Amino acid sequence: MKEILKDVERFRTSGKSVVLARVIDREGSTPRELGAAMAVSSDGEVAGSVSGGCVEGAVVTEALEVMEDKKPRLVSFGYSDDEAFEVGLTCGGTVHLFIEPINW
């Protein structure tokens, strides 16, 4: 979380809306630890990471939807180890995220 604070502040001072996604739970092998965070600005700029690249695009899509409806949500993304290997990912596992708009 600390590594994205400067970017979040930059988004805020630029007048952009921001949504924050955080890893709140995980099952199996996942690339990021609990508390890993990603901020998405209203123009689609991203700071941080919640999956090491595996599902970042889907998280951005979810974040933009949260920005639009202003309602936080819990989402989960995951692959079995076999499925992950088939699509070229280094880990399987499931990551659970809490995605919420930041209210200035």
PDB file of N, CA and C in Angstrom:
ATOM      1  N   MET A   1       0.816  -1.190   0.000  1.00  0.00           N
ATOM      2  CA  MET A   1       0.000   0.000   0.000  1.00  0.00           C
ATOM      3  C   MET A   1       0.863   1.260   0.000  1.00  0.00           C
ATOM      4  N   LYS A   2       1.925   1.261   0.792  1.00  0.00           N
ATOM      5  CA  LYS A   2       2.763   2.453   0.901  1.00  0.00           C
ATOM      6  C   LYS A   2       3.336   2.873  -0.448  1.00  0.00           C
ATOM      7  N   GLU A   3       3.651   1.875  -1.290  1.00  0.00           N
ATOM      8  CA  GLU A   3       4.292   2.199  -2.566  1.00  0.00           C
ATOM      9  C   GLU A   3       3.361   2.915  -3.554  1.00  0.00           C
ATOM     10  N   ILE A   4       2.066   2.910  -3.314  1.00  0.00           N
ATOM     11  CA  ILE A   4       1.159   3.594  -4.245  1.00  0.00           C
ATOM     12  C   ILE A   4       0.623   4.919  -3.704  1.00  0.00           C
ATOM     13  N   LEU A   5       0.975   5.281  -2.477  1.00  0.00           N
ATOM     14  CA  LEU A   5       0.426   6.498  -1.869  1.00  0.00           C
ATOM     15  C   LEU A   5       0.751   7.760  -2.665  1.00  0.00           C
ATOM     16  N   LYS A   6       1.961   7.870  -3.175  1.00  0.00           N
ATOM     17  CA  LYS A   6       2.320   9.063  -3.964  1.00  0.00           C
ATOM     18  C   LYS A   6       1.467   9.157  -5.220  1.00  0.00           C
ATOM     19  N   ASP A   7       1.229   8.014  -5.863  1.00  0.00           N
ATOM     20  CA  ASP A   7       0.393   8.023  -7.063  1.00  0.00           C
ATOM     21  C   ASP A   7      -1.050   8.388  -6.724  1.00  0.00           C
ATOM     22  N   VAL A   8      -1.569   7.834  -5.626  1.00  0.00           N
ATOM     23  CA  VAL A   8      -2.940   8.151  -5.215  1.00  0.00           C
ATOM     24  C   VAL A   8      -3.063   9.644  -4.937  1.00  0.00           C
ATOM     25  N   GLU A   9      -2.090  10.224  -4.269  1.00  0.00           N
ATOM     26  CA  GLU A   9      -2.107  11.665  -3.995  1.00  0.00           C
ATOM     27  C   GLU A   9      -2.036  12.473  -5.299  1.00  0.00           C
ATOM     28  N   ARG A  10      -1.235  12.002  -6.242  1.00  0.00           N
ATOM     29  CA  ARG A  10      -1.144  12.676  -7.548  1.00  0.00           C
ATOM     30  C   ARG A  10      -2.488  12.618  -8.265  1.00  0.00           C
ATOM     31  N   PHE A  11      -3.157  11.465  -8.224  1.00  0.00           N
ATOM     32  CA  PHE A  11      -4.485  11.352  -8.837  1.00  0.00           C
ATOM     33  C   PHE A  11      -5.444  12.351  -8.182  1.00  0.00           C
ATOM     34  N   ARG A  12      -5.403  12.403  -6.836  1.00  0.00           N
ATOM     35  CA  ARG A  12      -6.319  13.276  -6.099  1.00  0.00           C
ATOM     36  C   ARG A  12      -6.097  14.740  -6.451  1.00  0.00           C
ATOM     37  N   THR A  13      -4.840  15.165  -6.450  1.00  0.00           N
ATOM     38  CA  THR A  13      -4.560  16.577  -6.727  1.00  0.00           C
ATOM     39  C   THR A  13      -4.843  16.948  -8.177  1.00  0.00           C
ATOM     40  N   SER A  14      -4.935  15.937  -9.037  1.00  0.00           N
ATOM     41  CA  SER A  14      -5.301  16.179 -10.443  1.00  0.00           C
ATOM     42  C   SER A  14      -6.814  16.170 -10.638  1.00  0.00           C
ATOM     43  N   GLY A  15      -7.557  15.944  -9.553  1.00  0.00           N
ATOM     44  CA  GLY A  15      -9.015  15.955  -9.632  1.00  0.00           C
ATOM     45  C   GLY A  15      -9.633  14.671 -10.152  1.00  0.00           C
ATOM     46  N   LYS A  16      -8.856  13.600 -10.143  1.00  0.00           N
ATOM     47  CA  LYS A  16      -9.355  12.330 -10.656  1.00  0.00           C
ATOM     48  C   LYS A  16     -10.045  11.534  -9.554  1.00  0.00           C
ATOM     49  N   SER A  17     -11.042  10.762  -9.921  1.00  0.00           N
ATOM     50  CA  SER A  17     -11.631   9.788  -9.010  1.00  0.00           C
ATOM     51  C   SER A  17     -10.689   8.600  -8.940  1.00  0.00           C
ATOM     52  N   VAL A  18     -10.712   7.899  -7.800  1.00  0.00           N
ATOM     53  CA  VAL A  18      -9.806   6.767  -7.596  1.00  0.00           C
ATOM     54  C   VAL A  18     -10.550   5.618  -6.928  1.00  0.00           C
ATOM     55  N   VAL A  19     -10.240   4.419  -7.392  1.00  0.00           N
ATOM     56  CA  VAL A  19     -10.740   3.196  -6.769  1.00  0.00           C
ATOM     57  C   VAL A  19      -9.529   2.409  -6.291  1.00  0.00           C
ATOM     58  N   LEU A  20      -9.663   1.809  -5.122  1.00  0.00           N
ATOM     59  CA  LEU A  20      -8.591   1.029  -4.531  1.00  0.00           C
ATOM     60  C   LEU A  20      -9.004  -0.436  -4.466  1.00  0.00           C
ATOM     61  N   ALA A  21      -8.129  -1.318  -4.951  1.00  0.00           N
ATOM     62  CA  ALA A  21      -8.336  -2.772  -4.858  1.00  0.00           C
ATOM     63  C   ALA A  21      -7.251  -3.321  -3.938  1.00  0.00           C
ATOM     64  N   ARG A  22      -7.668  -4.155  -2.956  1.00  0.00           N
ATOM     65  CA  ARG A  22      -6.706  -4.730  -2.011  1.00  0.00           C
ATOM     66  C   ARG A  22      -6.912  -6.231  -1.871  1.00  0.00           C
ATOM     67  N   VAL A  23      -5.803  -6.948  -1.759  1.00  0.00           N
ATOM     68  CA  VAL A  23      -5.857  -8.382  -1.504  1.00  0.00           C
ATOM     69  C   VAL A  23      -6.253  -8.562  -0.041  1.00  0.00           C
ATOM     70  N   ILE A  24      -7.408  -9.225   0.181  1.00  0.00           N
ATOM     71  CA  ILE A  24      -7.865  -9.443   1.553  1.00  0.00           C
ATOM     72  C   ILE A  24      -7.801 -10.913   1.964  1.00  0.00           C
ATOM     73  N   ASP A  25      -7.648 -11.803   0.982  1.00  0.00           N
ATOM     74  CA  ASP A  25      -7.511 -13.227   1.289  1.00  0.00           C
ATOM     75  C   ASP A  25      -6.944 -13.906   0.059  1.00  0.00           C
ATOM     76  N   ARG A  26      -6.389 -15.073   0.244  1.00  0.00           N
ATOM     77  CA  ARG A  26      -5.857 -15.845  -0.884  1.00  0.00           C
ATOM     78  C   ARG A  26      -5.857 -17.309  -0.522  1.00  0.00           C
ATOM     79  N   GLU A  27      -5.958 -18.134  -1.545  1.00  0.00           N
ATOM     80  CA  GLU A  27      -5.944 -19.584  -1.377  1.00  0.00           C
ATOM     81  C   GLU A  27      -4.932 -20.154  -2.350  1.00  0.00           C
ATOM     82  N   GLY A  28      -4.136 -21.062  -1.891  1.00  0.00           N
ATOM     83  CA  GLY A  28      -3.145 -21.670  -2.757  1.00  0.00           C
ATOM     84  C   GLY A  28      -2.006 -20.711  -3.043  1.00  0.00           C
ATOM     85  N   SER A  29      -1.350 -20.940  -4.156  1.00  0.00           N
ATOM     86  CA  SER A  29      -0.181 -20.159  -4.546  1.00  0.00           C
ATOM     87  C   SER A  29      -0.621 -18.895  -5.285  1.00  0.00           C
ATOM     88  N   THR A  30      -0.271 -17.737  -4.747  1.00  0.00           N
ATOM     89  CA  THR A  30      -0.579 -16.462  -5.397  1.00  0.00           C
ATOM     90  C   THR A  30       0.666 -15.583  -5.367  1.00  0.00           C
ATOM     91  N   PRO A  31       0.826 -14.720  -6.370  1.00  0.00           N
ATOM     92  CA  PRO A  31       2.057 -13.943  -6.458  1.00  0.00           C
ATOM     93  C   PRO A  31       2.159 -12.776  -5.484  1.00  0.00           C
ATOM     94  N   ARG A  32       1.041 -12.317  -4.943  1.00  0.00           N
ATOM     95  CA  ARG A  32       1.079 -11.144  -4.061  1.00  0.00           C
ATOM     96  C   ARG A  32       0.575 -11.506  -2.669  1.00  0.00           C
ATOM     97  N   GLU A  33       1.082 -10.796  -1.686  1.00  0.00           N
ATOM     98  CA  GLU A  33       0.736 -11.037  -0.284  1.00  0.00           C
ATOM     99  C   GLU A  33      -0.553 -10.314   0.099  1.00  0.00           C
ATOM    100  N   LEU A  34      -1.105 -10.676   1.251  1.00  0.00           N
ATOM    101  CA  LEU A  34      -2.248  -9.955   1.802  1.00  0.00           C
ATOM    102  C   LEU A  34      -1.879  -8.484   1.952  1.00  0.00           C
ATOM    103  N   GLY A  35      -2.809  -7.612   1.624  1.00  0.00           N
ATOM    104  CA  GLY A  35      -2.574  -6.179   1.727  1.00  0.00           C
ATOM    105  C   GLY A  35      -2.043  -5.548   0.462  1.00  0.00           C
ATOM    106  N   ALA A  36      -1.607  -6.352  -0.510  1.00  0.00           N
ATOM    107  CA  ALA A  36      -1.145  -5.770  -1.775  1.00  0.00           C
ATOM    108  C   ALA A  36      -2.275  -4.923  -2.353  1.00  0.00           C
ATOM    109  N   ALA A  37      -1.920  -3.803  -2.971  1.00  0.00           N
ATOM    110  CA  ALA A  37      -2.947  -2.862  -3.411  1.00  0.00           C
ATOM    111  C   ALA A  37      -2.683  -2.337  -4.816  1.00  0.00           C
ATOM    112  N   MET A  38      -3.785  -1.959  -5.460  1.00  0.00           N
ATOM    113  CA  MET A  38      -3.746  -1.333  -6.775  1.00  0.00           C
ATOM    114  C   MET A  38      -4.737  -0.170  -6.741  1.00  0.00           C
ATOM    115  N   ALA A  39      -4.312   0.977  -7.248  1.00  0.00           N
ATOM    116  CA  ALA A  39      -5.206   2.120  -7.391  1.00  0.00           C
ATOM    117  C   ALA A  39      -5.456   2.334  -8.874  1.00  0.00           C
ATOM    118  N   VAL A  40      -6.706   2.640  -9.208  1.00  0.00           N
ATOM    119  CA  VAL A  40      -7.088   2.898 -10.603  1.00  0.00           C
ATOM    120  C   VAL A  40      -7.754   4.271 -10.637  1.00  0.00           C
ATOM    121  N   SER A  41      -7.253   5.157 -11.503  1.00  0.00           N
ATOM    122  CA  SER A  41      -7.823   6.502 -11.613  1.00  0.00           C
ATOM    123  C   SER A  41      -8.940   6.518 -12.644  1.00  0.00           C
ATOM    124  N   SER A  42      -9.707   7.592 -12.644  1.00  0.00           N
ATOM    125  CA  SER A  42     -10.849   7.710 -13.549  1.00  0.00           C
ATOM    126  C   SER A  42     -10.449   7.707 -15.019  1.00  0.00           C
ATOM    127  N   ASP A  43      -9.194   8.004 -15.325  1.00  0.00           N
ATOM    128  CA  ASP A  43      -8.760   7.924 -16.720  1.00  0.00           C
ATOM    129  C   ASP A  43      -8.024   6.619 -17.019  1.00  0.00           C
ATOM    130  N   GLY A  44      -8.123   5.650 -16.086  1.00  0.00           N
ATOM    131  CA  GLY A  44      -7.575   4.320 -16.320  1.00  0.00           C
ATOM    132  C   GLY A  44      -6.121   4.147 -15.962  1.00  0.00           C
ATOM    133  N   GLU A  45      -5.492   5.147 -15.355  1.00  0.00           N
ATOM    134  CA  GLU A  45      -4.101   4.999 -14.930  1.00  0.00           C
ATOM    135  C   GLU A  45      -4.056   4.062 -13.728  1.00  0.00           C
ATOM    136  N   VAL A  46      -3.044   3.206 -13.681  1.00  0.00           N
ATOM    137  CA  VAL A  46      -2.941   2.186 -12.642  1.00  0.00           C
ATOM    138  C   VAL A  46      -1.643   2.365 -11.867  1.00  0.00           C
ATOM    139  N   ALA A  47      -1.743   2.200 -10.551  1.00  0.00           N
ATOM    140  CA  ALA A  47      -0.564   2.185  -9.687  1.00  0.00           C
ATOM    141  C   ALA A  47      -0.665   0.949  -8.803  1.00  0.00           C
ATOM    142  N   GLY A  48       0.418   0.220  -8.679  1.00  0.00           N
ATOM    143  CA  GLY A  48       0.433  -0.966  -7.836  1.00  0.00           C
ATOM    144  C   GLY A  48      -0.005  -2.215  -8.565  1.00  0.00           C
ATOM    145  N   SER A  49      -0.107  -3.298  -7.796  1.00  0.00           N
ATOM    146  CA  SER A  49      -0.433  -4.597  -8.375  1.00  0.00           C
ATOM    147  C   SER A  49      -1.064  -5.488  -7.312  1.00  0.00           C
ATOM    148  N   VAL A  50      -2.050  -6.267  -7.724  1.00  0.00           N
ATOM    149  CA  VAL A  50      -2.676  -7.223  -6.812  1.00  0.00           C
ATOM    150  C   VAL A  50      -2.461  -8.669  -7.243  1.00  0.00           C
ATOM    151  N   SER A  51      -1.892  -8.868  -8.431  1.00  0.00           N
ATOM    152  CA  SER A  51      -1.736 -10.244  -8.893  1.00  0.00           C
ATOM    153  C   SER A  51      -0.437 -10.501  -9.639  1.00  0.00           C
ATOM    154  N   GLY A  52       0.436  -9.554  -9.722  1.00  0.00           N
ATOM    155  CA  GLY A  52       1.657  -9.770 -10.469  1.00  0.00           C
ATOM    156  C   GLY A  52       1.426  -9.877 -11.957  1.00  0.00           C
ATOM    157  N   GLY A  53       0.284  -9.415 -12.442  1.00  0.00           N
ATOM    158  CA  GLY A  53      -0.005  -9.399 -13.866  1.00  0.00           C
ATOM    159  C   GLY A  53      -1.034 -10.408 -14.315  1.00  0.00           C
ATOM    160  N   CYS A  54      -1.294 -11.443 -13.513  1.00  0.00           N
ATOM    161  CA  CYS A  54      -2.188 -12.524 -13.937  1.00  0.00           C
ATOM    162  C   CYS A  54      -3.601 -12.046 -14.261  1.00  0.00           C
ATOM    163  N   VAL A  55      -4.159 -11.198 -13.444  1.00  0.00           N
ATOM    164  CA  VAL A  55      -5.553 -10.769 -13.643  1.00  0.00           C
ATOM    165  C   VAL A  55      -5.707  -9.250 -13.568  1.00  0.00           C
ATOM    166  N   GLU A  56      -4.630  -8.514 -13.723  1.00  0.00           N
ATOM    167  CA  GLU A  56      -4.683  -7.062 -13.561  1.00  0.00           C
ATOM    168  C   GLU A  56      -5.732  -6.406 -14.471  1.00  0.00           C
ATOM    169  N   GLY A  57      -5.833  -6.843 -15.712  1.00  0.00           N
ATOM    170  CA  GLY A  57      -6.809  -6.253 -16.633  1.00  0.00           C
ATOM    171  C   GLY A  57      -8.236  -6.412 -16.147  1.00  0.00           C
ATOM    172  N   ALA A  58      -8.558  -7.585 -15.619  1.00  0.00           N
ATOM    173  CA  ALA A  58      -9.903  -7.817 -15.094  1.00  0.00           C
ATOM    174  C   ALA A  58     -10.154  -6.974 -13.852  1.00  0.00           C
ATOM    175  N   VAL A  59      -9.132  -6.756 -13.047  1.00  0.00           N
ATOM    176  CA  VAL A  59      -9.274  -5.930 -11.850  1.00  0.00           C
ATOM    177  C   VAL A  59      -9.537  -4.481 -12.252  1.00  0.00           C
ATOM    178  N   VAL A  60      -8.854  -3.999 -13.270  1.00  0.00           N
ATOM    179  CA  VAL A  60      -9.098  -2.630 -13.762  1.00  0.00           C
ATOM    180  C   VAL A  60     -10.541  -2.500 -14.228  1.00  0.00           C
ATOM    181  N   THR A  61     -11.044  -3.483 -14.957  1.00  0.00           N
ATOM    182  CA  THR A  61     -12.441  -3.456 -15.413  1.00  0.00           C
ATOM    183  C   THR A  61     -13.394  -3.388 -14.229  1.00  0.00           C
ATOM    184  N   GLU A  62     -13.162  -4.223 -13.223  1.00  0.00           N
ATOM    185  CA  GLU A  62     -13.990  -4.198 -12.014  1.00  0.00           C
ATOM    186  C   GLU A  62     -13.892  -2.841 -11.320  1.00  0.00           C
ATOM    187  N   ALA A  63     -12.693  -2.295 -11.234  1.00  0.00           N
ATOM    188  CA  ALA A  63     -12.485  -1.013 -10.562  1.00  0.00           C
ATOM    189  C   ALA A  63     -13.241   0.110 -11.270  1.00  0.00           C
ATOM    190  N   LEU A  64     -13.232   0.117 -12.587  1.00  0.00           N
ATOM    191  CA  LEU A  64     -13.953   1.152 -13.326  1.00  0.00           C
ATOM    192  C   LEU A  64     -15.461   1.020 -13.129  1.00  0.00           C
ATOM    193  N   GLU A  65     -15.944  -0.220 -12.987  1.00  0.00           N
ATOM    194  CA  GLU A  65     -17.369  -0.419 -12.695  1.00  0.00           C
ATOM    195  C   GLU A  65     -17.708   0.092 -11.294  1.00  0.00           C
ATOM    196  N   VAL A  66     -16.824  -0.160 -10.327  1.00  0.00           N
ATOM    197  CA  VAL A  66     -17.024   0.348  -8.972  1.00  0.00           C
ATOM    198  C   VAL A  66     -17.032   1.880  -8.986  1.00  0.00           C
ATOM    199  N   MET A  67     -16.156   2.462  -9.780  1.00  0.00           N
ATOM    200  CA  MET A  67     -16.102   3.915  -9.887  1.00  0.00           C
ATOM    201  C   MET A  67     -17.430   4.468 -10.405  1.00  0.00           C
ATOM    202  N   GLU A  68     -18.019   3.766 -11.365  1.00  0.00           N
ATOM    203  CA  GLU A  68     -19.271   4.216 -11.961  1.00  0.00           C
ATOM    204  C   GLU A  68     -20.450   4.084 -11.004  1.00  0.00           C
ATOM    205  N   ASP A  69     -20.582   2.920 -10.346  1.00  0.00           N
ATOM    206  CA  ASP A  69     -21.754   2.735  -9.480  1.00  0.00           C
ATOM    207  C   ASP A  69     -21.504   3.114  -8.020  1.00  0.00           C
ATOM    208  N   LYS A  70     -20.232   3.449  -7.699  1.00  0.00           N
ATOM    209  CA  LYS A  70     -19.859   3.923  -6.357  1.00  0.00           C
ATOM    210  C   LYS A  70     -20.187   2.937  -5.238  1.00  0.00           C
ATOM    211  N   LYS A  71     -20.225   1.648  -5.571  1.00  0.00           N
ATOM    212  CA  LYS A  71     -20.511   0.619  -4.572  1.00  0.00           C
ATOM    213  C   LYS A  71     -19.321  -0.328  -4.471  1.00  0.00           C
ATOM    214  N   PRO A  72     -18.751  -0.476  -3.267  1.00  0.00           N
ATOM    215  CA  PRO A  72     -17.634  -1.414  -3.108  1.00  0.00           C
ATOM    216  C   PRO A  72     -18.093  -2.841  -3.362  1.00  0.00           C
ATOM    217  N   ARG A  73     -17.141  -3.699  -3.701  1.00  0.00           N
ATOM    218  CA  ARG A  73     -17.483  -5.108  -3.929  1.00  0.00           C
ATOM    219  C   ARG A  73     -16.313  -6.020  -3.603  1.00  0.00           C
ATOM    220  N   LEU A  74     -16.663  -7.248  -3.316  1.00  0.00           N
ATOM    221  CA  LEU A  74     -15.688  -8.313  -3.151  1.00  0.00           C
ATOM    222  C   LEU A  74     -15.647  -9.111  -4.447  1.00  0.00           C
ATOM    223  N   VAL A  75     -14.463  -9.394  -4.933  1.00  0.00           N
ATOM    224  CA  VAL A  75     -14.322 -10.207  -6.146  1.00  0.00           C
ATOM    225  C   VAL A  75     -13.214 -11.227  -5.917  1.00  0.00           C
ATOM    226  N   SER A  76     -13.298 -12.323  -6.644  1.00  0.00           N
ATOM    227  CA  SER A  76     -12.285 -13.378  -6.555  1.00  0.00           C
ATOM    228  C   SER A  76     -11.857 -13.769  -7.958  1.00  0.00           C
ATOM    229  N   PHE A  77     -10.585 -14.047  -8.093  1.00  0.00           N
ATOM    230  CA  PHE A  77     -10.018 -14.527  -9.347  1.00  0.00           C
ATOM    231  C   PHE A  77      -9.124 -15.698  -9.021  1.00  0.00           C
ATOM    232  N   GLY A  78      -9.187 -16.740  -9.845  1.00  0.00           N
ATOM    233  CA  GLY A  78      -8.313 -17.859  -9.557  1.00  0.00           C
ATOM    234  C   GLY A  78      -8.248 -18.885 -10.659  1.00  0.00           C
ATOM    235  N   TYR A  79      -7.214 -19.673 -10.582  1.00  0.00           N
ATOM    236  CA  TYR A  79      -6.954 -20.785 -11.488  1.00  0.00           C
ATOM    237  C   TYR A  79      -6.464 -21.960 -10.662  1.00  0.00           C
ATOM    238  N   SER A  80      -6.786 -23.156 -11.115  1.00  0.00           N
ATOM    239  CA  SER A  80      -6.129 -24.320 -10.513  1.00  0.00           C
ATOM    240  C   SER A  80      -4.683 -24.313 -10.995  1.00  0.00           C
ATOM    241  N   ASP A  81      -3.811 -25.048 -10.323  1.00  0.00           N
ATOM    242  CA  ASP A  81      -2.418 -25.102 -10.756  1.00  0.00           C
ATOM    243  C   ASP A  81      -2.309 -25.601 -12.189  1.00  0.00           C
ATOM    244  N   ASP A  82      -3.118 -26.609 -12.571  1.00  0.00           N
ATOM    245  CA  ASP A  82      -3.071 -27.141 -13.929  1.00  0.00           C
ATOM    246  C   ASP A  82      -3.539 -26.103 -14.944  1.00  0.00           C
ATOM    247  N   GLU A  83      -4.647 -25.389 -14.649  1.00  0.00           N
ATOM    248  CA  GLU A  83      -5.139 -24.351 -15.553  1.00  0.00           C
ATOM    249  C   GLU A  83      -4.117 -23.235 -15.707  1.00  0.00           C
ATOM    250  N   ALA A  84      -3.497 -22.838 -14.615  1.00  0.00           N
ATOM    251  CA  ALA A  84      -2.505 -21.767 -14.655  1.00  0.00           C
ATOM    252  C   ALA A  84      -1.341 -22.164 -15.558  1.00  0.00           C
ATOM    253  N   PHE A  85      -0.863 -23.399 -15.412  1.00  0.00           N
ATOM    254  CA  PHE A  85       0.253 -23.861 -16.235  1.00  0.00           C
ATOM    255  C   PHE A  85      -0.121 -23.858 -17.710  1.00  0.00           C
ATOM    256  N   GLU A  86      -1.352 -24.270 -18.030  1.00  0.00           N
ATOM    257  CA  GLU A  86      -1.803 -24.325 -19.422  1.00  0.00           C
ATOM    258  C   GLU A  86      -1.812 -22.960 -20.086  1.00  0.00           C
ATOM    259  N   VAL A  87      -2.120 -21.897 -19.334  1.00  0.00           N
ATOM    260  CA  VAL A  87      -2.164 -20.559 -19.937  1.00  0.00           C
ATOM    261  C   VAL A  87      -0.876 -19.785 -19.702  1.00  0.00           C
ATOM    262  N   GLY A  88       0.146 -20.459 -19.175  1.00  0.00           N
ATOM    263  CA  GLY A  88       1.460 -19.841 -19.041  1.00  0.00           C
ATOM    264  C   GLY A  88       1.693 -19.064 -17.765  1.00  0.00           C
ATOM    265  N   LEU A  89       0.860 -19.249 -16.751  1.00  0.00           N
ATOM    266  CA  LEU A  89       1.055 -18.567 -15.479  1.00  0.00           C
ATOM    267  C   LEU A  89       1.946 -19.423 -14.596  1.00  0.00           C
ATOM    268  N   THR A  90       2.681 -18.784 -13.707  1.00  0.00           N
ATOM    269  CA  THR A  90       3.606 -19.519 -12.856  1.00  0.00           C
ATOM    270  C   THR A  90       2.951 -20.042 -11.592  1.00  0.00           C
ATOM    271  N   CYS A  91       1.723 -19.620 -11.315  1.00  0.00           N
ATOM    272  CA  CYS A  91       1.072 -20.089 -10.101  1.00  0.00           C
ATOM    273  C   CYS A  91      -0.423 -20.246 -10.334  1.00  0.00           C
ATOM    274  N   GLY A  92      -1.015 -21.126  -9.568  1.00  0.00           N
ATOM    275  CA  GLY A  92      -2.460 -21.239  -9.542  1.00  0.00           C
ATOM    276  C   GLY A  92      -2.932 -20.456  -8.334  1.00  0.00           C
ATOM    277  N   GLY A  93      -4.001 -20.895  -7.732  1.00  0.00           N
ATOM    278  CA  GLY A  93      -4.470 -20.222  -6.539  1.00  0.00           C
ATOM    279  C   GLY A  93      -5.577 -19.233  -6.844  1.00  0.00           C
ATOM    280  N   THR A  94      -6.165 -18.719  -5.784  1.00  0.00           N
ATOM    281  CA  THR A  94      -7.259 -17.760  -5.889  1.00  0.00           C
ATOM    282  C   THR A  94      -6.933 -16.558  -5.035  1.00  0.00           C
ATOM    283  N   VAL A  95      -7.190 -15.388  -5.581  1.00  0.00           N
ATOM    284  CA  VAL A  95      -6.984 -14.154  -4.842  1.00  0.00           C
ATOM    285  C   VAL A  95      -8.353 -13.492  -4.647  1.00  0.00           C
ATOM    286  N   HIS A  96      -8.607 -13.041  -3.417  1.00  0.00           N
ATOM    287  CA  HIS A  96      -9.860 -12.375  -3.079  1.00  0.00           C
ATOM    288  C   HIS A  96      -9.551 -10.895  -2.840  1.00  0.00           C
ATOM    289  N   LEU A  97     -10.306 -10.037  -3.495  1.00  0.00           N
ATOM    290  CA  LEU A  97     -10.051  -8.603  -3.438  1.00  0.00           C
ATOM    291  C   LEU A  97     -11.252  -7.843  -2.915  1.00  0.00           C
ATOM    292  N   PHE A  98     -10.974  -6.752  -2.209  1.00  0.00           N
ATOM    293  CA  PHE A  98     -11.996  -5.776  -1.848  1.00  0.00           C
ATOM    294  C   PHE A  98     -11.694  -4.552  -2.695  1.00  0.00           C
ATOM    295  N   ILE A  99     -12.684  -4.128  -3.481  1.00  0.00           N
ATOM    296  CA  ILE A  99     -12.524  -2.994  -4.375  1.00  0.00           C
ATOM    297  C   ILE A  99     -13.487  -1.910  -3.941  1.00  0.00           C
ATOM    298  N   GLU A 100     -12.947  -0.708  -3.657  1.00  0.00           N
ATOM    299  CA  GLU A 100     -13.787   0.372  -3.145  1.00  0.00           C
ATOM    300  C   GLU A 100     -13.372   1.723  -3.713  1.00  0.00           C
ATOM    301  N   PRO A 101     -14.360   2.598  -3.884  1.00  0.00           N
ATOM    302  CA  PRO A 101     -14.023   3.956  -4.310  1.00  0.00           C
ATOM    303  C   PRO A 101     -13.439   4.725  -3.133  1.00  0.00           C
ATOM    304  N   ILE A 102     -12.505   5.616  -3.407  1.00  0.00           N
ATOM    305  CA  ILE A 102     -11.971   6.481  -2.364  1.00  0.00           C
ATOM    306  C   ILE A 102     -12.772   7.779  -2.397  1.00  0.00           C
ATOM    307  N   ASN A 103     -13.312   8.143  -1.270  1.00  0.00           N
ATOM    308  CA  ASN A 103     -14.060   9.388  -1.159  1.00  0.00           C
ATOM    309  C   ASN A 103     -13.169  10.446  -0.544  1.00  0.00           C
ATOM    310  N   TRP A 104     -12.893  11.500  -1.285  1.00  0.00           N
ATOM    311  CA  TRP A 104     -12.038  12.557  -0.780  1.00  0.00           C
ATOM    312  C   TRP A 104     -12.812  13.333   0.230  1.00  0.00           C
TER     313      TRP A 104
END
